[in-house]
């Protein structure tokens, strides 16, 4: 019990710092939304980064390293791959950069903390919407200080499902039958352009599910913690458990099983490839 108490204290200290940093950096990001000077392509012309992303990450990394020198700190814009998830901060300085560039409000500063491979702390701050989400393993999930839970909706025709559309034609063609099924059976299919906020909206009950193929751990780490602490379920699209090496994700309120739709609509050999 003493060790558990120490862990809770350690995580609480990190949560408080992460919230403070997210607010501060979020204010910086919002201040520069109409002053972007440089947009750079990364893996493709539609995978972009701005100088604001880079400066936001630098500020987060500097503060976290100063406060917790014993921890590993890694961000989306880091040049080296991340291999250590034992006591590790994972940062997405602006999740939803394309939205940010175009002046759409659906973007967020995302900060997560992994302990022995599991995201145990997640903070998301959407400065344009003035919404701060946070979760701590075993302590619940919150939006602007109020506890949140997933929705109680159990019927598909009453559900709203969010997706992140794939950036490649091949992946879109894999998911197209699932999109067709959802559009015919659910109340609506939406895409906000931010995986982090999509998961946050599942966590607070605004939507019933989120699915994406071709997603990275840094996009969803904080959101995964939010959904699970709000009572939801996180899986790969195939239904297998999600981990930081997964490249697909399916979140639900626990009452509507989106992975069952995937297995119903897609051939078994295709489902087996959805890691």
C-alpha atoms as a PDB file:
ATOM      1  CA  UNK A   1       0.000   0.000   0.000  1.00  0.00           C
ATOM      2  CA  UNK A   2       2.870   2.341   0.755  1.00  0.00           C
ATOM      3  CA  UNK A   3       4.265   1.825  -2.746  1.00  0.00           C
ATOM      4  CA  UNK A   4       0.840   2.523  -4.242  1.00  0.00           C
ATOM      5  CA  UNK A   5       0.677   5.745  -2.252  1.00  0.00           C
ATOM      6  CA  UNK A   6       4.063   6.803  -3.568  1.00  0.00           C
ATOM      7  CA  UNK A   7       2.977   6.093  -7.149  1.00  0.00           C
ATOM      8  CA  UNK A   8      -0.197   8.139  -6.710  1.00  0.00           C
ATOM      9  CA  UNK A   9       1.824  11.037  -5.310  1.00  0.00           C
ATOM     10  CA  UNK A  10       4.316  10.828  -8.173  1.00  0.00           C
ATOM     11  CA  UNK A  11       1.549  10.801 -10.780  1.00  0.00           C
ATOM     12  CA  UNK A  12      -0.405  13.588  -9.087  1.00  0.00           C
ATOM     13  CA  UNK A  13       2.675  15.825  -9.184  1.00  0.00           C
ATOM     14  CA  UNK A  14       3.080  15.081 -12.874  1.00  0.00           C
ATOM     15  CA  UNK A  15      -0.590  15.682 -13.591  1.00  0.00           C
ATOM     16  CA  UNK A  16      -0.508  19.110 -11.963  1.00  0.00           C
ATOM     17  CA  UNK A  17       2.579  20.075 -13.943  1.00  0.00           C
ATOM     18  CA  UNK A  18       1.148  18.731 -17.217  1.00  0.00           C
ATOM     19  CA  UNK A  19      -2.062  20.736 -16.738  1.00  0.00           C
ATOM     20  CA  UNK A  20      -0.084  23.897 -16.061  1.00  0.00           C
ATOM     21  CA  UNK A  21       2.121  23.376 -19.112  1.00  0.00           C
ATOM     22  CA  UNK A  22      -0.831  22.536 -21.383  1.00  0.00           C
ATOM     23  CA  UNK A  23      -2.594  25.756 -20.399  1.00  0.00           C
ATOM     24  CA  UNK A  24       0.532  27.860 -20.903  1.00  0.00           C
ATOM     25  CA  UNK A  25       1.501  26.335 -24.233  1.00  0.00           C
ATOM     26  CA  UNK A  26      -2.118  26.314 -25.387  1.00  0.00           C
ATOM     27  CA  UNK A  27      -2.249  30.078 -24.849  1.00  0.00           C
ATOM     28  CA  UNK A  28       0.921  30.442 -26.939  1.00  0.00           C
ATOM     29  CA  UNK A  29      -0.542  28.300 -29.728  1.00  0.00           C
ATOM     30  CA  UNK A  30      -3.813  30.236 -29.766  1.00  0.00           C
ATOM     31  CA  UNK A  31      -1.975  33.568 -29.821  1.00  0.00           C
ATOM     32  CA  UNK A  32      -0.129  32.562 -32.991  1.00  0.00           C
ATOM     33  CA  UNK A  33      -3.023  30.970 -34.889  1.00  0.00           C
ATOM     34  CA  UNK A  34      -3.138  33.831 -37.422  1.00  0.00           C
ATOM     35  CA  UNK A  35       0.607  34.413 -37.482  1.00  0.00           C
ATOM     36  CA  UNK A  36       1.925  31.150 -38.953  1.00  0.00           C
ATOM     37  CA  UNK A  37       4.982  31.910 -41.072  1.00  0.00           C
ATOM     38  CA  UNK A  38       6.262  28.517 -42.200  1.00  0.00           C
ATOM     39  CA  UNK A  39       4.511  25.261 -43.135  1.00  0.00           C
ATOM     40  CA  UNK A  40       6.728  22.259 -43.801  1.00  0.00           C
ATOM     41  CA  UNK A  41       5.828  18.847 -45.244  1.00  0.00           C
ATOM     42  CA  UNK A  42       6.978  15.789 -43.297  1.00  0.00           C
ATOM     43  CA  UNK A  43       6.171  12.278 -44.554  1.00  0.00           C
ATOM     44  CA  UNK A  44       3.919  13.610 -47.350  1.00  0.00           C
ATOM     45  CA  UNK A  45       2.540  16.920 -48.681  1.00  0.00           C
ATOM     46  CA  UNK A  46      -0.544  16.487 -46.454  1.00  0.00           C
ATOM     47  CA  UNK A  47       1.452  15.606 -43.312  1.00  0.00           C
ATOM     48  CA  UNK A  48       2.567  19.050 -42.233  1.00  0.00           C
ATOM     49  CA  UNK A  49       4.185  20.896 -39.352  1.00  0.00           C
ATOM     50  CA  UNK A  50       4.492  24.601 -38.564  1.00  0.00           C
ATOM     51  CA  UNK A  51       7.045  26.593 -36.616  1.00  0.00           C
ATOM     52  CA  UNK A  52       4.375  26.899 -33.908  1.00  0.00           C
ATOM     53  CA  UNK A  53       4.260  23.094 -33.505  1.00  0.00           C
ATOM     54  CA  UNK A  54       8.023  23.024 -33.086  1.00  0.00           C
ATOM     55  CA  UNK A  55       8.174  25.893 -30.620  1.00  0.00           C
ATOM     56  CA  UNK A  56       5.245  24.471 -28.628  1.00  0.00           C
ATOM     57  CA  UNK A  57       7.006  21.126 -28.337  1.00  0.00           C
ATOM     58  CA  UNK A  58      10.285  22.774 -27.352  1.00  0.00           C
ATOM     59  CA  UNK A  59       8.542  24.631 -24.535  1.00  0.00           C
ATOM     60  CA  UNK A  60       6.829  21.494 -23.228  1.00  0.00           C
ATOM     61  CA  UNK A  61       9.994  19.391 -23.414  1.00  0.00           C
ATOM     62  CA  UNK A  62      12.101  22.021 -21.654  1.00  0.00           C
ATOM     63  CA  UNK A  63       9.672  22.375 -18.761  1.00  0.00           C
ATOM     64  CA  UNK A  64       9.121  18.645 -18.300  1.00  0.00           C
ATOM     65  CA  UNK A  65      12.854  17.880 -18.375  1.00  0.00           C
ATOM     66  CA  UNK A  66      13.513  20.616 -15.876  1.00  0.00           C
ATOM     67  CA  UNK A  67      10.762  19.382 -13.553  1.00  0.00           C
ATOM     68  CA  UNK A  68      11.324  15.620 -13.930  1.00  0.00           C
ATOM     69  CA  UNK A  69      14.916  14.973 -15.056  1.00  0.00           C
ATOM     70  CA  UNK A  70      14.575  11.251 -14.307  1.00  0.00           C
ATOM     71  CA  UNK A  71      11.839  10.831 -16.952  1.00  0.00           C
ATOM     72  CA  UNK A  72      12.154  10.310 -20.697  1.00  0.00           C
ATOM     73  CA  UNK A  73      10.502  13.120 -22.687  1.00  0.00           C
ATOM     74  CA  UNK A  74       9.575  12.596 -26.351  1.00  0.00           C
ATOM     75  CA  UNK A  75       7.445  14.527 -28.828  1.00  0.00           C
ATOM     76  CA  UNK A  76       5.937  13.987 -32.269  1.00  0.00           C
ATOM     77  CA  UNK A  77       8.426  16.402 -33.792  1.00  0.00           C
ATOM     78  CA  UNK A  78      11.417  14.605 -32.227  1.00  0.00           C
ATOM     79  CA  UNK A  79      13.915  13.310 -34.761  1.00  0.00           C
ATOM     80  CA  UNK A  80      14.683   9.995 -33.058  1.00  0.00           C
ATOM     81  CA  UNK A  81      12.254   7.054 -32.554  1.00  0.00           C
ATOM     82  CA  UNK A  82      10.933   6.315 -29.073  1.00  0.00           C
ATOM     83  CA  UNK A  83      11.876   2.933 -27.629  1.00  0.00           C
ATOM     84  CA  UNK A  84      11.534   3.404 -23.861  1.00  0.00           C
ATOM     85  CA  UNK A  85       7.980   3.556 -22.494  1.00  0.00           C
ATOM     86  CA  UNK A  86       8.831   2.795 -18.870  1.00  0.00           C
ATOM     87  CA  UNK A  87       8.574   6.325 -17.402  1.00  0.00           C
ATOM     88  CA  UNK A  88       7.978   8.414 -20.447  1.00  0.00           C
ATOM     89  CA  UNK A  89       6.245  11.631 -21.454  1.00  0.00           C
ATOM     90  CA  UNK A  90       4.690  11.547 -24.931  1.00  0.00           C
ATOM     91  CA  UNK A  91       3.784  14.905 -26.469  1.00  0.00           C
ATOM     92  CA  UNK A  92       1.782  15.957 -29.497  1.00  0.00           C
ATOM     93  CA  UNK A  93       2.212  19.748 -29.395  1.00  0.00           C
ATOM     94  CA  UNK A  94      -0.704  20.387 -31.758  1.00  0.00           C
ATOM     95  CA  UNK A  95      -2.914  17.437 -32.588  1.00  0.00           C
ATOM     96  CA  UNK A  96      -4.908  18.661 -35.566  1.00  0.00           C
ATOM     97  CA  UNK A  97      -2.259  20.828 -37.237  1.00  0.00           C
ATOM     98  CA  UNK A  98      -4.221  21.046 -40.503  1.00  0.00           C
ATOM     99  CA  UNK A  99      -7.217  22.402 -38.603  1.00  0.00           C
ATOM    100  CA  UNK A 100      -4.923  24.863 -36.842  1.00  0.00           C
ATOM    101  CA  UNK A 101      -3.482  26.098 -40.137  1.00  0.00           C
ATOM    102  CA  UNK A 102      -6.955  26.662 -41.588  1.00  0.00           C
ATOM    103  CA  UNK A 103      -8.342  28.397 -38.514  1.00  0.00           C
ATOM    104  CA  UNK A 104     -10.632  25.545 -37.458  1.00  0.00           C
ATOM    105  CA  UNK A 105     -10.929  25.219 -33.660  1.00  0.00           C
ATOM    106  CA  UNK A 106     -10.521  21.441 -33.437  1.00  0.00           C
ATOM    107  CA  UNK A 107      -6.921  21.104 -32.300  1.00  0.00           C
ATOM    108  CA  UNK A 108      -5.338  20.389 -28.945  1.00  0.00           C
ATOM    109  CA  UNK A 109      -2.125  20.269 -26.961  1.00  0.00           C
ATOM    110  CA  UNK A 110      -1.717  16.615 -25.950  1.00  0.00           C
ATOM    111  CA  UNK A 111       0.486  15.409 -23.089  1.00  0.00           C
ATOM    112  CA  UNK A 112       0.547  11.798 -21.861  1.00  0.00           C
ATOM    113  CA  UNK A 113       2.670   9.896 -19.380  1.00  0.00           C
ATOM    114  CA  UNK A 114       3.494   6.216 -19.809  1.00  0.00           C
ATOM    115  CA  UNK A 115       4.366   3.985 -16.870  1.00  0.00           C
ATOM    116  CA  UNK A 116       5.714   0.564 -17.834  1.00  0.00           C
ATOM    117  CA  UNK A 117       4.148   0.761 -21.292  1.00  0.00           C
ATOM    118  CA  UNK A 118       0.705   1.991 -20.235  1.00  0.00           C
ATOM    119  CA  UNK A 119      -0.610   5.566 -20.543  1.00  0.00           C
ATOM    120  CA  UNK A 120      -1.545   6.415 -16.944  1.00  0.00           C
ATOM    121  CA  UNK A 121      -1.953  10.171 -17.294  1.00  0.00           C
ATOM    122  CA  UNK A 122      -3.474  12.210 -20.081  1.00  0.00           C
ATOM    123  CA  UNK A 123      -3.997  15.938 -20.539  1.00  0.00           C
ATOM    124  CA  UNK A 124      -5.655  17.554 -23.556  1.00  0.00           C
ATOM    125  CA  UNK A 125      -6.170  21.276 -23.873  1.00  0.00           C
ATOM    126  CA  UNK A 126      -8.158  22.737 -26.763  1.00  0.00           C
ATOM    127  CA  UNK A 127      -7.356  26.456 -26.423  1.00  0.00           C
ATOM    128  CA  UNK A 128      -9.736  27.697 -29.127  1.00  0.00           C
ATOM    129  CA  UNK A 129     -12.600  25.916 -27.354  1.00  0.00           C
ATOM    130  CA  UNK A 130     -11.359  26.622 -23.820  1.00  0.00           C
ATOM    131  CA  UNK A 131     -11.727  22.949 -22.894  1.00  0.00           C
ATOM    132  CA  UNK A 132      -9.250  21.150 -20.653  1.00  0.00           C
ATOM    133  CA  UNK A 133      -9.556  17.375 -20.422  1.00  0.00           C
ATOM    134  CA  UNK A 134      -7.480  15.310 -18.034  1.00  0.00           C
ATOM    135  CA  UNK A 135      -7.393  11.796 -16.630  1.00  0.00           C
ATOM    136  CA  UNK A 136      -5.300   9.910 -14.102  1.00  0.00           C
ATOM    137  CA  UNK A 137      -5.285   6.129 -13.897  1.00  0.00           C
ATOM    138  CA  UNK A 138      -7.671   5.039 -11.180  1.00  0.00           C
ATOM    139  CA  UNK A 139      -8.869   8.590 -10.461  1.00  0.00           C
ATOM    140  CA  UNK A 140     -11.336   9.213 -13.293  1.00  0.00           C
ATOM    141  CA  UNK A 141     -11.578  11.648 -16.182  1.00  0.00           C
ATOM    142  CA  UNK A 142     -12.499  15.332 -16.089  1.00  0.00           C
ATOM    143  CA  UNK A 143     -13.468  18.236 -18.343  1.00  0.00           C
ATOM    144  CA  UNK A 144     -12.825  21.711 -16.942  1.00  0.00           C
ATOM    145  CA  UNK A 145     -12.792  20.239 -13.454  1.00  0.00           C
ATOM    146  CA  UNK A 146     -16.032  18.239 -13.731  1.00  0.00           C
ATOM    147  CA  UNK A 147     -16.018  14.436 -13.808  1.00  0.00           C
ATOM    148  CA  UNK A 148     -17.029  12.952 -17.157  1.00  0.00           C
ATOM    149  CA  UNK A 149     -18.270   9.535 -18.247  1.00  0.00           C
ATOM    150  CA  UNK A 150     -19.015   7.882 -21.555  1.00  0.00           C
ATOM    151  CA  UNK A 151     -22.580   7.892 -22.843  1.00  0.00           C
ATOM    152  CA  UNK A 152     -25.102   5.191 -21.944  1.00  0.00           C
ATOM    153  CA  UNK A 153     -26.383   4.845 -25.504  1.00  0.00           C
ATOM    154  CA  UNK A 154     -26.831   1.205 -26.480  1.00  0.00           C
ATOM    155  CA  UNK A 155     -28.534   1.472 -29.879  1.00  0.00           C
ATOM    156  CA  UNK A 156     -26.613   1.995 -33.110  1.00  0.00           C
ATOM    157  CA  UNK A 157     -29.270   4.238 -34.633  1.00  0.00           C
ATOM    158  CA  UNK A 158     -28.873   6.626 -31.699  1.00  0.00           C
ATOM    159  CA  UNK A 159     -25.065   6.686 -31.873  1.00  0.00           C
ATOM    160  CA  UNK A 160     -22.646   9.182 -33.377  1.00  0.00           C
ATOM    161  CA  UNK A 161     -19.335   7.677 -34.474  1.00  0.00           C
ATOM    162  CA  UNK A 162     -16.185   9.682 -35.152  1.00  0.00           C
ATOM    163  CA  UNK A 163     -13.371   8.680 -37.467  1.00  0.00           C
ATOM    164  CA  UNK A 164     -10.037   9.942 -38.636  1.00  0.00           C
ATOM    165  CA  UNK A 165      -9.976   9.498 -42.399  1.00  0.00           C
ATOM    166  CA  UNK A 166      -6.847   7.676 -43.618  1.00  0.00           C
ATOM    167  CA  UNK A 167      -4.204   9.644 -45.509  1.00  0.00           C
ATOM    168  CA  UNK A 168      -3.699   6.870 -48.067  1.00  0.00           C
ATOM    169  CA  UNK A 169      -6.095   5.515 -50.678  1.00  0.00           C
ATOM    170  CA  UNK A 170      -5.283   1.921 -49.729  1.00  0.00           C
ATOM    171  CA  UNK A 171      -6.313   2.391 -46.112  1.00  0.00           C
ATOM    172  CA  UNK A 172      -9.431   4.320 -47.103  1.00  0.00           C
ATOM    173  CA  UNK A 173     -10.475   1.472 -49.386  1.00  0.00           C
ATOM    174  CA  UNK A 174     -10.075  -0.958 -46.482  1.00  0.00           C
ATOM    175  CA  UNK A 175     -12.358   1.129 -44.274  1.00  0.00           C
ATOM    176  CA  UNK A 176     -14.863   2.177 -46.968  1.00  0.00           C
ATOM    177  CA  UNK A 177     -17.234  -0.771 -46.310  1.00  0.00           C
ATOM    178  CA  UNK A 178     -17.195   0.066 -42.586  1.00  0.00           C
ATOM    179  CA  UNK A 179     -17.991   3.707 -43.319  1.00  0.00           C
ATOM    180  CA  UNK A 180     -20.851   2.609 -45.563  1.00  0.00           C
ATOM    181  CA  UNK A 181     -22.285   0.376 -42.844  1.00  0.00           C
ATOM    182  CA  UNK A 182     -22.007   3.062 -40.164  1.00  0.00           C
ATOM    183  CA  UNK A 183     -23.635   5.691 -42.390  1.00  0.00           C
ATOM    184  CA  UNK A 184     -26.562   3.344 -42.927  1.00  0.00           C
ATOM    185  CA  UNK A 185     -26.985   2.149 -39.346  1.00  0.00           C
ATOM    186  CA  UNK A 186     -25.815   4.965 -37.047  1.00  0.00           C
ATOM    187  CA  UNK A 187     -27.175   8.444 -36.484  1.00  0.00           C
ATOM    188  CA  UNK A 188     -24.089  10.092 -37.961  1.00  0.00           C
ATOM    189  CA  UNK A 189     -20.446   9.632 -38.942  1.00  0.00           C
ATOM    190  CA  UNK A 190     -18.189  12.593 -38.178  1.00  0.00           C
ATOM    191  CA  UNK A 191     -14.535  13.530 -38.592  1.00  0.00           C
ATOM    192  CA  UNK A 192     -13.091  16.462 -36.635  1.00  0.00           C
ATOM    193  CA  UNK A 193      -9.494  16.128 -37.838  1.00  0.00           C
ATOM    194  CA  UNK A 194      -8.045  15.461 -34.388  1.00  0.00           C
ATOM    195  CA  UNK A 195      -7.746  11.953 -32.977  1.00  0.00           C
ATOM    196  CA  UNK A 196      -7.091  13.382 -29.525  1.00  0.00           C
ATOM    197  CA  UNK A 197     -10.320  15.386 -29.471  1.00  0.00           C
ATOM    198  CA  UNK A 198     -12.265  12.553 -31.066  1.00  0.00           C
ATOM    199  CA  UNK A 199     -11.344  10.337 -28.134  1.00  0.00           C
ATOM    200  CA  UNK A 200     -12.054  13.141 -25.657  1.00  0.00           C
ATOM    201  CA  UNK A 201     -15.557  13.472 -27.125  1.00  0.00           C
ATOM    202  CA  UNK A 202     -16.151   9.757 -26.603  1.00  0.00           C
ATOM    203  CA  UNK A 203     -14.903  10.115 -23.023  1.00  0.00           C
ATOM    204  CA  UNK A 204     -17.327  12.933 -22.206  1.00  0.00           C
ATOM    205  CA  UNK A 205     -20.322  11.269 -23.856  1.00  0.00           C
ATOM    206  CA  UNK A 206     -20.730  13.550 -26.857  1.00  0.00           C
ATOM    207  CA  UNK A 207     -20.172  10.616 -29.210  1.00  0.00           C
ATOM    208  CA  UNK A 208     -20.341   6.855 -28.793  1.00  0.00           C
ATOM    209  CA  UNK A 209     -17.275   5.676 -30.674  1.00  0.00           C
ATOM    210  CA  UNK A 210     -14.084   6.505 -32.531  1.00  0.00           C
ATOM    211  CA  UNK A 211     -12.220   4.416 -35.090  1.00  0.00           C
ATOM    212  CA  UNK A 212      -9.098   4.972 -37.174  1.00  0.00           C
ATOM    213  CA  UNK A 213      -6.641   2.990 -39.257  1.00  0.00           C
ATOM    214  CA  UNK A 214      -3.109   4.349 -39.509  1.00  0.00           C
ATOM    215  CA  UNK A 215      -2.788   6.151 -36.190  1.00  0.00           C
ATOM    216  CA  UNK A 216       0.296   6.579 -33.999  1.00  0.00           C
ATOM    217  CA  UNK A 217       0.624   6.291 -30.224  1.00  0.00           C
ATOM    218  CA  UNK A 218       1.434   9.984 -29.802  1.00  0.00           C
ATOM    219  CA  UNK A 219      -1.861  10.971 -31.458  1.00  0.00           C
ATOM    220  CA  UNK A 220      -3.988   8.986 -29.030  1.00  0.00           C
ATOM    221  CA  UNK A 221      -2.046   8.275 -25.819  1.00  0.00           C
ATOM    222  CA  UNK A 222      -3.732  10.976 -23.733  1.00  0.00           C
ATOM    223  CA  UNK A 223      -7.120  10.193 -25.278  1.00  0.00           C
ATOM    224  CA  UNK A 224      -6.773   6.487 -24.508  1.00  0.00           C
ATOM    225  CA  UNK A 225      -6.340   7.308 -20.829  1.00  0.00           C
ATOM    226  CA  UNK A 226      -9.353   9.639 -20.961  1.00  0.00           C
ATOM    227  CA  UNK A 227     -11.672   7.071 -22.530  1.00  0.00           C
ATOM    228  CA  UNK A 228     -10.703   4.252 -20.187  1.00  0.00           C
ATOM    229  CA  UNK A 229     -10.986   6.413 -17.078  1.00  0.00           C
ATOM    230  CA  UNK A 230     -14.403   7.627 -18.261  1.00  0.00           C
ATOM    231  CA  UNK A 231     -15.621   4.023 -18.445  1.00  0.00           C
ATOM    232  CA  UNK A 232     -15.030   3.337 -22.128  1.00  0.00           C
ATOM    233  CA  UNK A 233     -13.187   0.591 -23.983  1.00  0.00           C
ATOM    234  CA  UNK A 234     -10.105   0.811 -26.214  1.00  0.00           C
ATOM    235  CA  UNK A 235      -9.172  -1.878 -28.754  1.00  0.00           C
ATOM    236  CA  UNK A 236      -7.491  -2.305 -32.095  1.00  0.00           C
ATOM    237  CA  UNK A 237      -9.943  -2.420 -35.006  1.00  0.00           C
ATOM    238  CA  UNK A 238      -9.644  -6.210 -35.005  1.00  0.00           C
ATOM    239  CA  UNK A 239     -10.760  -6.358 -31.377  1.00  0.00           C
ATOM    240  CA  UNK A 240      -7.318  -7.165 -30.009  1.00  0.00           C
ATOM    241  CA  UNK A 241      -6.008  -5.132 -27.038  1.00  0.00           C
ATOM    242  CA  UNK A 242      -4.503  -1.757 -27.955  1.00  0.00           C
ATOM    243  CA  UNK A 243      -0.879  -0.938 -27.122  1.00  0.00           C
ATOM    244  CA  UNK A 244       1.646   1.715 -28.119  1.00  0.00           C
ATOM    245  CA  UNK A 245       2.729  -0.400 -31.109  1.00  0.00           C
ATOM    246  CA  UNK A 246      -0.818  -0.578 -32.519  1.00  0.00           C
ATOM    247  CA  UNK A 247      -1.539   1.215 -35.777  1.00  0.00           C
ATOM    248  CA  UNK A 248      -5.318   1.067 -35.508  1.00  0.00           C
ATOM    249  CA  UNK A 249      -7.694   2.095 -32.763  1.00  0.00           C
ATOM    250  CA  UNK A 250     -11.323   1.604 -31.881  1.00  0.00           C
ATOM    251  CA  UNK A 251     -12.820   3.382 -28.861  1.00  0.00           C
ATOM    252  CA  UNK A 252     -16.367   2.920 -27.629  1.00  0.00           C
ATOM    253  CA  UNK A 253     -18.629   3.667 -24.715  1.00  0.00           C
ATOM    254  CA  UNK A 254     -18.576  -0.045 -23.854  1.00  0.00           C
ATOM    255  CA  UNK A 255     -22.216  -0.515 -24.843  1.00  0.00           C
ATOM    256  CA  UNK A 256     -21.770  -0.377 -28.628  1.00  0.00           C
ATOM    257  CA  UNK A 257     -19.082  -2.688 -29.998  1.00  0.00           C
ATOM    258  CA  UNK A 258     -17.618  -1.126 -33.134  1.00  0.00           C
ATOM    259  CA  UNK A 259     -15.089  -3.941 -33.488  1.00  0.00           C
ATOM    260  CA  UNK A 260     -18.061  -6.289 -34.038  1.00  0.00           C
ATOM    261  CA  UNK A 261     -19.032  -4.130 -37.023  1.00  0.00           C
ATOM    262  CA  UNK A 262     -15.486  -4.431 -38.378  1.00  0.00           C
ATOM    263  CA  UNK A 263     -15.582  -8.222 -38.065  1.00  0.00           C
ATOM    264  CA  UNK A 264     -19.055  -8.366 -39.596  1.00  0.00           C
ATOM    265  CA  UNK A 265     -18.293  -6.199 -42.616  1.00  0.00           C
ATOM    266  CA  UNK A 266     -14.714  -7.111 -43.530  1.00  0.00           C
ATOM    267  CA  UNK A 267     -13.350 -10.511 -44.582  1.00  0.00           C
ATOM    268  CA  UNK A 268     -11.548 -12.394 -41.816  1.00  0.00           C
ATOM    269  CA  UNK A 269      -8.202 -12.223 -43.614  1.00  0.00           C
ATOM    270  CA  UNK A 270      -8.476  -8.428 -43.826  1.00  0.00           C
ATOM    271  CA  UNK A 271      -9.450  -8.069 -40.169  1.00  0.00           C
ATOM    272  CA  UNK A 272      -6.347 -10.058 -39.207  1.00  0.00           C
ATOM    273  CA  UNK A 273      -4.142  -7.358 -40.785  1.00  0.00           C
ATOM    274  CA  UNK A 274      -5.688  -4.454 -38.852  1.00  0.00           C
ATOM    275  CA  UNK A 275      -3.033  -4.001 -36.195  1.00  0.00           C
END
